[in-house]
Structure formats: structure tokens, C-alpha cells
Amino acid sequence: MSTKFASPLLGYNNNVRHKGKVFHIQTEDSGVKYGHIITHLFMDGGRILKSVKTSYAEYLGNERMADIVREMMKQQHKAMFIALRDGKFDPVAEGSADASQATRAVVAESPPSVAPAPLAATQPTPAPAPAVGRPPSLTPPPLPAERTDPGVPDLEAPPTLRQPLRPSPS
């Protein structure tokens, strides 16, 4: 007889243009059976350039686990956007370095894990949004005239400043 596990949370998928190339960032939850989230950075229509895997085994059974995992997913997805924007993968994307150099750079700068907030006897308060240096904008910036694909945003600011992260089925 098999054990029934809760369904994984919906993930995030975004296409983004960086230095003339389209990249895809995908973050997904493996579900409580495996207890980790994974983010992939794809280029060239499917080649994985970078993957980051984070365990949330320490939060299994926590009554706020879904909220904690959702926040971890957002932060990990956003960190991949920022690493791409900041040029961490440029040498690999341009073919002048191997992926292990970019991996070391991103792993060294990965965000810390999200700790659960203390449980309150009353209504829980939402966690404050992480600071990114500027307040988020709900409207994307105007599209540059030279952009060939208006559906793919350029990486000039963190994703929270261009557009909200959108959950999508994974």
C-alpha cells in the first residue's frame, strides 16, 4: 500500500531576454515526498545552464510549510534572475568559460534559507517582503523599439521591479 503525499506547489516559469539571448527560468516544488525545490536556468531552447536545489526537509510537518516553501521558491527564482542580470552566467552563455565557474559564483551568493516565523495563537501576520533596494512596480517598463519579441522582457532590473512573478503549472 502506498503512502499519500500532498501535491507539490505550483511553480514559476519566466522567459527573459539578456544580451540578445532568450533564457528560461523555472522553479518547481518536488513535493513533500522529496522535500526540495529546484530552479533551472535554460538557454538555447532547452540546454540547462544552471540548476539550484534546496531542501526544505526541516519544515516538513510545520503547519506553515506551504507558506515557507512558497517564499523559498520566490527567493530562489528571484536569485536566479538577479544572477543572470548581474552577468554571473555571461562567460558560459558566450562560450568562454565552463559552467562550474558560474556555479561556484551563484552558490556562494545564494540567499539564506527562509526560517519559519514563530507560531502565534491569533491570526498570523504576513511576512514582510524582502528588501531589494527599490519599491516594486506593478507595471512593466515601456518596451524598447528594437526588441524583436515583446513578450520576453529584458533583464535590466530584478523581476519584482519589472513584473510580478507569476505562478504557472509545472
N, C-alpha and C. Protein backbone atom coordinates (compact mmCIF):
# COMPACT_ATOMS: atom_id res chain seq x y z
N MET A 1 0.84 -1.18 0.00
CA MET A 1 0.00 0.00 0.00
C MET A 1 0.89 1.24 0.00
N SER A 2 0.62 2.18 -0.88
CA SER A 2 1.46 3.36 -0.99
C SER A 2 0.98 4.47 -0.06
N THR A 3 1.92 5.34 0.31
CA THR A 3 1.61 6.48 1.17
C THR A 3 1.15 7.64 0.31
N LYS A 4 0.11 8.37 0.74
CA LYS A 4 -0.40 9.53 0.01
C LYS A 4 0.33 10.77 0.48
N PHE A 5 0.92 11.52 -0.47
CA PHE A 5 1.64 12.75 -0.16
C PHE A 5 0.86 13.93 -0.72
N ALA A 6 1.03 15.09 -0.07
CA ALA A 6 0.39 16.31 -0.56
C ALA A 6 0.97 16.67 -1.92
N SER A 7 0.14 17.31 -2.74
CA SER A 7 0.59 17.73 -4.08
C SER A 7 1.65 18.81 -3.97
N PRO A 8 2.59 18.83 -4.90
CA PRO A 8 3.58 19.91 -4.93
C PRO A 8 2.91 21.25 -5.20
N LEU A 9 3.55 22.33 -4.77
CA LEU A 9 3.05 23.67 -5.05
C LEU A 9 3.29 24.00 -6.52
N LEU A 10 2.48 24.88 -7.07
CA LEU A 10 2.70 25.33 -8.44
C LEU A 10 3.99 26.11 -8.51
N GLY A 11 4.70 25.99 -9.60
CA GLY A 11 6.00 26.64 -9.74
C GLY A 11 5.94 27.94 -10.50
N TYR A 12 7.13 28.44 -10.84
CA TYR A 12 7.28 29.68 -11.59
C TYR A 12 8.03 29.40 -12.88
N ASN A 13 7.62 30.05 -13.95
CA ASN A 13 8.27 29.93 -15.25
C ASN A 13 8.30 31.30 -15.89
N ASN A 14 9.48 31.76 -16.27
CA ASN A 14 9.61 33.06 -16.91
C ASN A 14 10.64 32.97 -18.03
N ASN A 15 10.32 33.59 -19.18
CA ASN A 15 11.29 33.79 -20.25
C ASN A 15 11.81 35.21 -20.11
N VAL A 16 13.10 35.39 -20.34
CA VAL A 16 13.70 36.71 -20.22
C VAL A 16 14.81 36.85 -21.24
N ARG A 17 14.94 38.04 -21.80
CA ARG A 17 16.00 38.31 -22.77
C ARG A 17 17.15 38.98 -22.02
N HIS A 18 18.36 38.46 -22.26
CA HIS A 18 19.57 39.02 -21.66
C HIS A 18 20.66 39.01 -22.71
N LYS A 19 21.17 40.19 -23.02
CA LYS A 19 22.24 40.35 -24.02
C LYS A 19 21.89 39.67 -25.35
N GLY A 20 20.64 39.87 -25.77
CA GLY A 20 20.22 39.37 -27.07
C GLY A 20 19.81 37.91 -27.12
N LYS A 21 19.90 37.20 -25.99
CA LYS A 21 19.52 35.78 -25.96
C LYS A 21 18.32 35.60 -25.04
N VAL A 22 17.48 34.62 -25.36
CA VAL A 22 16.33 34.32 -24.52
C VAL A 22 16.69 33.19 -23.57
N PHE A 23 16.46 33.41 -22.30
CA PHE A 23 16.68 32.42 -21.25
C PHE A 23 15.33 32.08 -20.64
N HIS A 24 15.24 30.90 -20.07
CA HIS A 24 14.03 30.48 -19.36
C HIS A 24 14.42 30.09 -17.95
N ILE A 25 13.70 30.63 -16.97
CA ILE A 25 13.94 30.29 -15.56
C ILE A 25 12.72 29.56 -15.05
N GLN A 26 12.94 28.38 -14.48
CA GLN A 26 11.86 27.53 -14.00
C GLN A 26 12.16 27.10 -12.57
N THR A 27 11.21 27.32 -11.68
CA THR A 27 11.34 26.88 -10.29
C THR A 27 10.15 25.99 -9.98
N GLU A 28 10.44 24.84 -9.37
CA GLU A 28 9.37 23.90 -9.06
C GLU A 28 9.59 23.24 -7.70
N ASP A 29 8.49 22.79 -7.13
CA ASP A 29 8.49 22.08 -5.86
C ASP A 29 8.41 20.58 -6.18
N SER A 30 9.25 19.79 -5.53
CA SER A 30 9.22 18.34 -5.76
C SER A 30 8.12 17.66 -4.96
N GLY A 31 7.54 18.37 -4.00
CA GLY A 31 6.53 17.79 -3.13
C GLY A 31 7.16 17.25 -1.86
N VAL A 32 6.33 16.99 -0.86
CA VAL A 32 6.85 16.56 0.44
C VAL A 32 7.51 15.19 0.42
N LYS A 33 7.21 14.38 -0.58
CA LYS A 33 7.85 13.07 -0.67
C LYS A 33 9.36 13.23 -0.81
N TYR A 34 9.80 14.27 -1.55
CA TYR A 34 11.23 14.50 -1.76
C TYR A 34 11.74 15.71 -0.99
N GLY A 35 10.88 16.67 -0.68
CA GLY A 35 11.22 17.79 0.19
C GLY A 35 12.29 18.73 -0.34
N HIS A 36 12.22 19.10 -1.63
CA HIS A 36 13.15 20.11 -2.13
C HIS A 36 12.50 20.93 -3.24
N ILE A 37 13.08 22.10 -3.46
CA ILE A 37 12.69 22.92 -4.61
C ILE A 37 13.91 22.99 -5.53
N ILE A 38 13.64 23.14 -6.81
CA ILE A 38 14.74 23.21 -7.77
C ILE A 38 14.45 24.31 -8.79
N THR A 39 15.48 25.07 -9.10
CA THR A 39 15.39 26.13 -10.11
C THR A 39 16.39 25.82 -11.21
N HIS A 40 15.92 25.88 -12.45
CA HIS A 40 16.78 25.66 -13.61
C HIS A 40 16.84 26.94 -14.43
N LEU A 41 18.00 27.21 -14.99
CA LEU A 41 18.18 28.28 -15.96
C LEU A 41 18.48 27.60 -17.29
N PHE A 42 17.60 27.81 -18.28
CA PHE A 42 17.75 27.21 -19.60
C PHE A 42 18.15 28.26 -20.62
N MET A 43 18.87 27.85 -21.64
CA MET A 43 19.16 28.70 -22.79
C MET A 43 19.18 27.82 -24.03
N ASP A 44 19.26 28.44 -25.18
CA ASP A 44 19.31 27.72 -26.46
C ASP A 44 18.15 26.74 -26.63
N GLY A 45 16.98 27.11 -26.15
CA GLY A 45 15.80 26.28 -26.35
C GLY A 45 15.71 25.03 -25.50
N GLY A 46 16.52 24.91 -24.47
CA GLY A 46 16.38 23.76 -23.58
C GLY A 46 17.64 23.30 -22.88
N ARG A 47 18.79 23.82 -23.25
CA ARG A 47 20.04 23.43 -22.57
C ARG A 47 20.05 24.02 -21.16
N ILE A 48 20.26 23.19 -20.15
CA ILE A 48 20.32 23.67 -18.77
C ILE A 48 21.69 24.30 -18.53
N LEU A 49 21.66 25.57 -18.18
CA LEU A 49 22.88 26.31 -17.91
C LEU A 49 23.23 26.24 -16.43
N LYS A 50 22.22 26.20 -15.57
CA LYS A 50 22.44 26.19 -14.12
C LYS A 50 21.23 25.59 -13.43
N SER A 51 21.45 24.85 -12.36
CA SER A 51 20.39 24.32 -11.51
C SER A 51 20.75 24.59 -10.06
N VAL A 52 19.75 24.94 -9.28
CA VAL A 52 19.94 25.13 -7.83
C VAL A 52 18.86 24.31 -7.14
N LYS A 53 19.27 23.48 -6.21
CA LYS A 53 18.36 22.61 -5.48
C LYS A 53 18.47 22.93 -3.99
N THR A 54 17.33 23.15 -3.34
CA THR A 54 17.31 23.49 -1.91
C THR A 54 16.33 22.58 -1.19
N SER A 55 16.78 21.96 -0.12
CA SER A 55 15.93 21.09 0.68
C SER A 55 15.07 21.91 1.64
N TYR A 56 13.86 21.44 1.85
CA TYR A 56 13.02 22.02 2.90
C TYR A 56 12.56 20.94 3.88
N ALA A 57 13.37 19.89 3.97
CA ALA A 57 13.04 18.77 4.86
C ALA A 57 12.84 19.22 6.30
N GLU A 58 13.57 20.24 6.72
CA GLU A 58 13.46 20.71 8.10
C GLU A 58 12.10 21.32 8.41
N TYR A 59 11.31 21.66 7.38
CA TYR A 59 10.00 22.27 7.59
C TYR A 59 8.84 21.29 7.41
N LEU A 60 9.14 20.03 7.06
CA LEU A 60 8.08 19.04 6.91
C LEU A 60 7.31 18.90 8.22
N GLY A 61 6.01 18.94 8.11
CA GLY A 61 5.17 18.83 9.30
C GLY A 61 4.83 20.17 9.94
N ASN A 62 5.51 21.22 9.58
CA ASN A 62 5.22 22.55 10.11
C ASN A 62 3.88 23.00 9.54
N GLU A 63 3.03 23.56 10.36
CA GLU A 63 1.71 23.97 9.87
C GLU A 63 1.79 25.11 8.85
N ARG A 64 2.89 25.81 8.81
CA ARG A 64 3.10 26.89 7.83
C ARG A 64 3.98 26.45 6.66
N MET A 65 4.16 25.15 6.50
CA MET A 65 5.09 24.65 5.50
C MET A 65 4.80 25.20 4.10
N ALA A 66 3.56 25.23 3.67
CA ALA A 66 3.24 25.71 2.32
C ALA A 66 3.68 27.16 2.14
N ASP A 67 3.44 28.00 3.15
CA ASP A 67 3.87 29.41 3.07
C ASP A 67 5.39 29.52 3.03
N ILE A 68 6.06 28.72 3.84
CA ILE A 68 7.52 28.75 3.90
C ILE A 68 8.11 28.30 2.57
N VAL A 69 7.60 27.20 2.03
CA VAL A 69 8.10 26.67 0.75
C VAL A 69 7.82 27.67 -0.36
N ARG A 70 6.65 28.27 -0.38
CA ARG A 70 6.30 29.27 -1.41
C ARG A 70 7.31 30.43 -1.36
N GLU A 71 7.64 30.92 -0.16
CA GLU A 71 8.61 32.02 -0.03
C GLU A 71 10.01 31.57 -0.47
N MET A 72 10.39 30.37 -0.12
CA MET A 72 11.69 29.85 -0.57
C MET A 72 11.75 29.78 -2.10
N MET A 73 10.65 29.36 -2.72
CA MET A 73 10.59 29.27 -4.17
C MET A 73 10.73 30.66 -4.80
N LYS A 74 10.02 31.64 -4.26
CA LYS A 74 10.11 33.01 -4.78
C LYS A 74 11.54 33.53 -4.69
N GLN A 75 12.15 33.34 -3.53
CA GLN A 75 13.51 33.86 -3.32
C GLN A 75 14.52 33.17 -4.24
N GLN A 76 14.40 31.87 -4.40
CA GLN A 76 15.35 31.14 -5.25
C GLN A 76 15.16 31.52 -6.71
N HIS A 77 13.91 31.69 -7.14
CA HIS A 77 13.61 32.09 -8.52
C HIS A 77 14.18 33.48 -8.78
N LYS A 78 13.95 34.39 -7.84
CA LYS A 78 14.43 35.76 -7.98
C LYS A 78 15.96 35.80 -7.98
N ALA A 79 16.60 34.99 -7.16
CA ALA A 79 18.07 34.95 -7.11
C ALA A 79 18.66 34.54 -8.46
N MET A 80 17.97 33.63 -9.17
CA MET A 80 18.46 33.22 -10.49
C MET A 80 18.34 34.38 -11.48
N PHE A 81 17.24 35.14 -11.43
CA PHE A 81 17.09 36.32 -12.27
C PHE A 81 18.23 37.30 -12.01
N ILE A 82 18.48 37.57 -10.75
CA ILE A 82 19.50 38.55 -10.38
C ILE A 82 20.89 38.09 -10.81
N ALA A 83 21.19 36.81 -10.62
CA ALA A 83 22.49 36.29 -11.05
C ALA A 83 22.67 36.43 -12.56
N LEU A 84 21.60 36.15 -13.31
CA LEU A 84 21.67 36.30 -14.77
C LEU A 84 21.85 37.78 -15.13
N ARG A 85 21.05 38.64 -14.53
CA ARG A 85 21.14 40.08 -14.81
C ARG A 85 22.53 40.63 -14.49
N ASP A 86 23.11 40.14 -13.39
CA ASP A 86 24.42 40.64 -12.95
C ASP A 86 25.59 40.02 -13.70
N GLY A 87 25.30 39.17 -14.69
CA GLY A 87 26.36 38.65 -15.55
C GLY A 87 27.06 37.41 -15.02
N LYS A 88 26.53 36.75 -14.03
CA LYS A 88 27.19 35.56 -13.46
C LYS A 88 27.35 34.43 -14.48
N PHE A 89 26.46 34.38 -15.48
CA PHE A 89 26.50 33.30 -16.46
C PHE A 89 26.99 33.76 -17.83
N ASP A 90 27.35 35.03 -17.96
CA ASP A 90 27.78 35.55 -19.26
C ASP A 90 28.93 34.76 -19.87
N PRO A 91 29.99 34.44 -19.12
CA PRO A 91 31.09 33.68 -19.74
C PRO A 91 30.64 32.32 -20.28
N VAL A 92 29.75 31.65 -19.57
CA VAL A 92 29.27 30.35 -20.02
C VAL A 92 28.33 30.51 -21.21
N ALA A 93 27.42 31.49 -21.14
CA ALA A 93 26.47 31.72 -22.23
C ALA A 93 27.20 32.13 -23.51
N GLU A 94 28.32 32.82 -23.36
CA GLU A 94 29.09 33.25 -24.52
C GLU A 94 30.10 32.20 -24.96
N GLY A 95 30.23 31.11 -24.21
CA GLY A 95 31.12 30.02 -24.57
C GLY A 95 32.57 30.22 -24.18
N SER A 96 32.85 31.21 -23.32
CA SER A 96 34.25 31.47 -22.96
C SER A 96 34.65 30.88 -21.61
N ALA A 97 33.75 30.16 -20.94
CA ALA A 97 34.08 29.54 -19.64
C ALA A 97 33.22 28.30 -19.47
N ASP A 98 33.59 27.46 -18.51
CA ASP A 98 32.77 26.29 -18.25
C ASP A 98 31.73 26.61 -17.17
N ALA A 99 30.71 25.77 -17.10
CA ALA A 99 29.60 26.01 -16.18
C ALA A 99 30.02 25.96 -14.73
N SER A 100 31.09 25.24 -14.38
CA SER A 100 31.48 25.14 -12.97
C SER A 100 31.89 26.49 -12.40
N GLN A 101 32.46 27.39 -13.22
CA GLN A 101 32.82 28.72 -12.73
C GLN A 101 31.57 29.51 -12.36
N ALA A 102 30.56 29.48 -13.21
CA ALA A 102 29.32 30.19 -12.92
C ALA A 102 28.61 29.56 -11.73
N THR A 103 28.67 28.23 -11.61
CA THR A 103 28.04 27.55 -10.48
C THR A 103 28.64 28.00 -9.16
N ARG A 104 29.96 28.06 -9.10
CA ARG A 104 30.60 28.50 -7.85
C ARG A 104 30.18 29.91 -7.49
N ALA A 105 30.06 30.80 -8.47
CA ALA A 105 29.68 32.19 -8.20
C ALA A 105 28.27 32.28 -7.64
N VAL A 106 27.33 31.52 -8.20
CA VAL A 106 25.95 31.61 -7.74
C VAL A 106 25.76 30.91 -6.40
N VAL A 107 26.39 29.76 -6.21
CA VAL A 107 26.26 29.05 -4.94
C VAL A 107 26.79 29.91 -3.79
N ALA A 108 27.89 30.62 -4.03
CA ALA A 108 28.47 31.47 -2.99
C ALA A 108 27.56 32.63 -2.63
N GLU A 109 26.67 33.02 -3.55
CA GLU A 109 25.81 34.17 -3.31
C GLU A 109 24.35 33.80 -3.14
N SER A 110 24.03 32.52 -2.99
CA SER A 110 22.65 32.09 -2.84
C SER A 110 22.05 32.67 -1.58
N PRO A 111 20.74 33.00 -1.61
CA PRO A 111 20.12 33.57 -0.43
C PRO A 111 20.03 32.55 0.69
N PRO A 112 20.03 33.01 1.95
CA PRO A 112 19.90 32.08 3.07
C PRO A 112 18.52 31.44 3.06
N SER A 113 18.41 30.31 3.72
CA SER A 113 17.11 29.64 3.77
C SER A 113 16.13 30.46 4.59
N VAL A 114 14.86 30.29 4.30
CA VAL A 114 13.80 31.03 4.96
C VAL A 114 13.44 30.30 6.25
N ALA A 115 13.53 30.98 7.37
CA ALA A 115 13.18 30.38 8.66
C ALA A 115 11.71 30.61 8.93
N PRO A 116 11.02 29.65 9.53
CA PRO A 116 9.61 29.85 9.82
C PRO A 116 9.43 30.88 10.92
N ALA A 117 8.36 31.67 10.79
CA ALA A 117 8.04 32.66 11.82
C ALA A 117 7.47 31.93 13.02
N PRO A 118 7.61 32.51 14.23
CA PRO A 118 7.03 31.86 15.41
C PRO A 118 5.52 31.75 15.24
N LEU A 119 4.98 30.67 15.73
CA LEU A 119 3.54 30.45 15.64
C LEU A 119 2.83 31.31 16.67
N ALA A 120 1.78 31.99 16.23
CA ALA A 120 1.02 32.86 17.13
C ALA A 120 -0.33 32.22 17.40
N ALA A 121 -0.88 32.53 18.56
CA ALA A 121 -2.19 32.00 18.92
C ALA A 121 -3.29 32.73 18.16
N THR A 122 -3.01 33.93 17.68
CA THR A 122 -4.00 34.70 16.95
C THR A 122 -3.75 34.59 15.45
N GLN A 123 -4.42 35.42 14.69
CA GLN A 123 -4.28 35.43 13.23
C GLN A 123 -2.82 35.69 12.84
N PRO A 124 -2.23 34.85 11.98
CA PRO A 124 -0.83 35.08 11.58
C PRO A 124 -0.72 36.34 10.72
N THR A 125 0.39 37.04 10.88
CA THR A 125 0.64 38.23 10.07
C THR A 125 1.55 37.83 8.91
N PRO A 126 1.33 38.40 7.74
CA PRO A 126 2.19 38.04 6.61
C PRO A 126 3.62 38.51 6.82
N ALA A 127 4.55 37.74 6.27
CA ALA A 127 5.97 38.09 6.39
C ALA A 127 6.23 39.32 5.53
N PRO A 128 7.13 40.21 5.98
CA PRO A 128 7.43 41.39 5.16
C PRO A 128 8.16 40.97 3.88
N ALA A 129 7.94 41.75 2.84
CA ALA A 129 8.60 41.47 1.56
C ALA A 129 10.09 41.74 1.70
N PRO A 130 10.92 40.93 1.05
CA PRO A 130 12.36 41.16 1.14
C PRO A 130 12.73 42.49 0.48
N ALA A 131 13.70 43.17 1.06
CA ALA A 131 14.14 44.45 0.52
C ALA A 131 14.99 44.21 -0.72
N VAL A 132 14.74 44.96 -1.76
CA VAL A 132 15.53 44.87 -2.97
C VAL A 132 16.15 46.21 -3.35
N GLY A 133 16.07 47.19 -2.47
CA GLY A 133 16.70 48.46 -2.72
C GLY A 133 15.77 49.51 -3.29
N ARG A 134 14.73 49.08 -4.02
CA ARG A 134 13.76 50.00 -4.60
C ARG A 134 12.37 49.40 -4.44
N PRO A 135 11.34 50.23 -4.30
CA PRO A 135 9.98 49.67 -4.18
C PRO A 135 9.57 49.00 -5.48
N PRO A 136 8.82 47.88 -5.38
CA PRO A 136 8.40 47.20 -6.60
C PRO A 136 7.37 48.01 -7.38
N SER A 137 7.38 47.85 -8.66
CA SER A 137 6.41 48.49 -9.54
C SER A 137 5.48 47.42 -10.06
N LEU A 138 4.22 47.74 -10.16
CA LEU A 138 3.27 46.77 -10.66
C LEU A 138 3.12 46.82 -12.17
N THR A 139 3.67 47.84 -12.81
CA THR A 139 3.59 47.92 -14.25
C THR A 139 4.98 47.75 -14.85
N PRO A 140 5.08 46.96 -15.92
CA PRO A 140 6.39 46.79 -16.55
C PRO A 140 6.82 48.07 -17.25
N PRO A 141 8.11 48.26 -17.47
CA PRO A 141 8.59 49.45 -18.17
C PRO A 141 8.17 49.39 -19.63
N PRO A 142 8.20 50.54 -20.33
CA PRO A 142 7.85 50.51 -21.75
C PRO A 142 8.83 49.65 -22.53
N LEU A 143 8.35 49.04 -23.59
CA LEU A 143 9.18 48.16 -24.40
C LEU A 143 10.11 48.99 -25.29
N PRO A 144 11.40 48.64 -25.36
CA PRO A 144 12.29 49.33 -26.29
C PRO A 144 11.87 49.05 -27.74
N ALA A 145 12.10 50.02 -28.62
CA ALA A 145 11.69 49.89 -30.02
C ALA A 145 12.43 48.76 -30.73
N GLU A 146 13.68 48.48 -30.34
CA GLU A 146 14.46 47.47 -31.05
C GLU A 146 14.17 46.04 -30.60
N ARG A 147 13.36 45.85 -29.60
CA ARG A 147 13.07 44.50 -29.12
C ARG A 147 12.33 43.71 -30.20
N THR A 148 12.79 42.50 -30.46
CA THR A 148 12.17 41.68 -31.50
C THR A 148 11.03 40.84 -30.97
N ASP A 149 11.02 40.51 -29.72
CA ASP A 149 9.96 39.70 -29.13
C ASP A 149 9.39 40.44 -27.93
N PRO A 150 8.28 41.18 -28.10
CA PRO A 150 7.76 41.99 -26.99
C PRO A 150 7.27 41.16 -25.81
N GLY A 151 7.10 39.84 -25.97
CA GLY A 151 6.64 39.01 -24.86
C GLY A 151 7.76 38.57 -23.94
N VAL A 152 9.01 38.86 -24.28
CA VAL A 152 10.14 38.44 -23.46
C VAL A 152 10.81 39.69 -22.89
N PRO A 153 10.73 39.92 -21.58
CA PRO A 153 11.32 41.14 -21.00
C PRO A 153 12.84 41.08 -21.00
N ASP A 154 13.46 42.24 -21.11
CA ASP A 154 14.91 42.34 -20.96
C ASP A 154 15.25 42.33 -19.49
N LEU A 155 16.46 41.88 -19.16
CA LEU A 155 16.91 41.84 -17.78
C LEU A 155 17.67 43.12 -17.48
N GLU A 156 16.98 44.13 -16.99
CA GLU A 156 17.63 45.37 -16.61
C GLU A 156 17.39 45.68 -15.14
N ALA A 157 16.47 45.01 -14.51
CA ALA A 157 16.14 45.22 -13.10
C ALA A 157 15.67 43.90 -12.54
N PRO A 158 15.67 43.74 -11.21
CA PRO A 158 15.15 42.49 -10.63
C PRO A 158 13.72 42.26 -11.08
N PRO A 159 13.29 41.00 -11.16
CA PRO A 159 11.96 40.69 -11.70
C PRO A 159 10.84 41.39 -10.95
N THR A 160 10.98 41.64 -9.66
CA THR A 160 9.91 42.28 -8.92
C THR A 160 9.73 43.73 -9.34
N LEU A 161 10.73 44.31 -10.02
CA LEU A 161 10.61 45.68 -10.47
C LEU A 161 10.03 45.77 -11.88
N ARG A 162 10.11 44.70 -12.64
CA ARG A 162 9.57 44.70 -13.99
C ARG A 162 8.14 44.18 -13.99
N GLN A 163 7.95 43.04 -13.34
CA GLN A 163 6.66 42.38 -13.36
C GLN A 163 6.60 41.44 -12.18
N PRO A 164 5.39 41.19 -11.66
CA PRO A 164 5.29 40.23 -10.57
C PRO A 164 5.62 38.83 -11.07
N LEU A 165 6.17 38.00 -10.23
CA LEU A 165 6.39 36.60 -10.58
C LEU A 165 5.05 35.94 -10.67
N ARG A 166 4.84 35.16 -11.70
CA ARG A 166 3.54 34.53 -11.90
C ARG A 166 3.66 33.03 -11.70
N PRO A 167 2.84 32.47 -10.82
CA PRO A 167 2.84 31.01 -10.70
C PRO A 167 2.32 30.41 -12.00
N SER A 168 2.89 29.31 -12.39
CA SER A 168 2.40 28.60 -13.56
C SER A 168 2.55 27.11 -13.30
N PRO A 169 1.72 26.31 -13.91
CA PRO A 169 1.79 24.86 -13.67
C PRO A 169 3.15 24.32 -14.09
N SER A 170 3.68 23.40 -13.31
CA SER A 170 4.94 22.77 -13.70
C SER A 170 4.78 21.28 -13.78
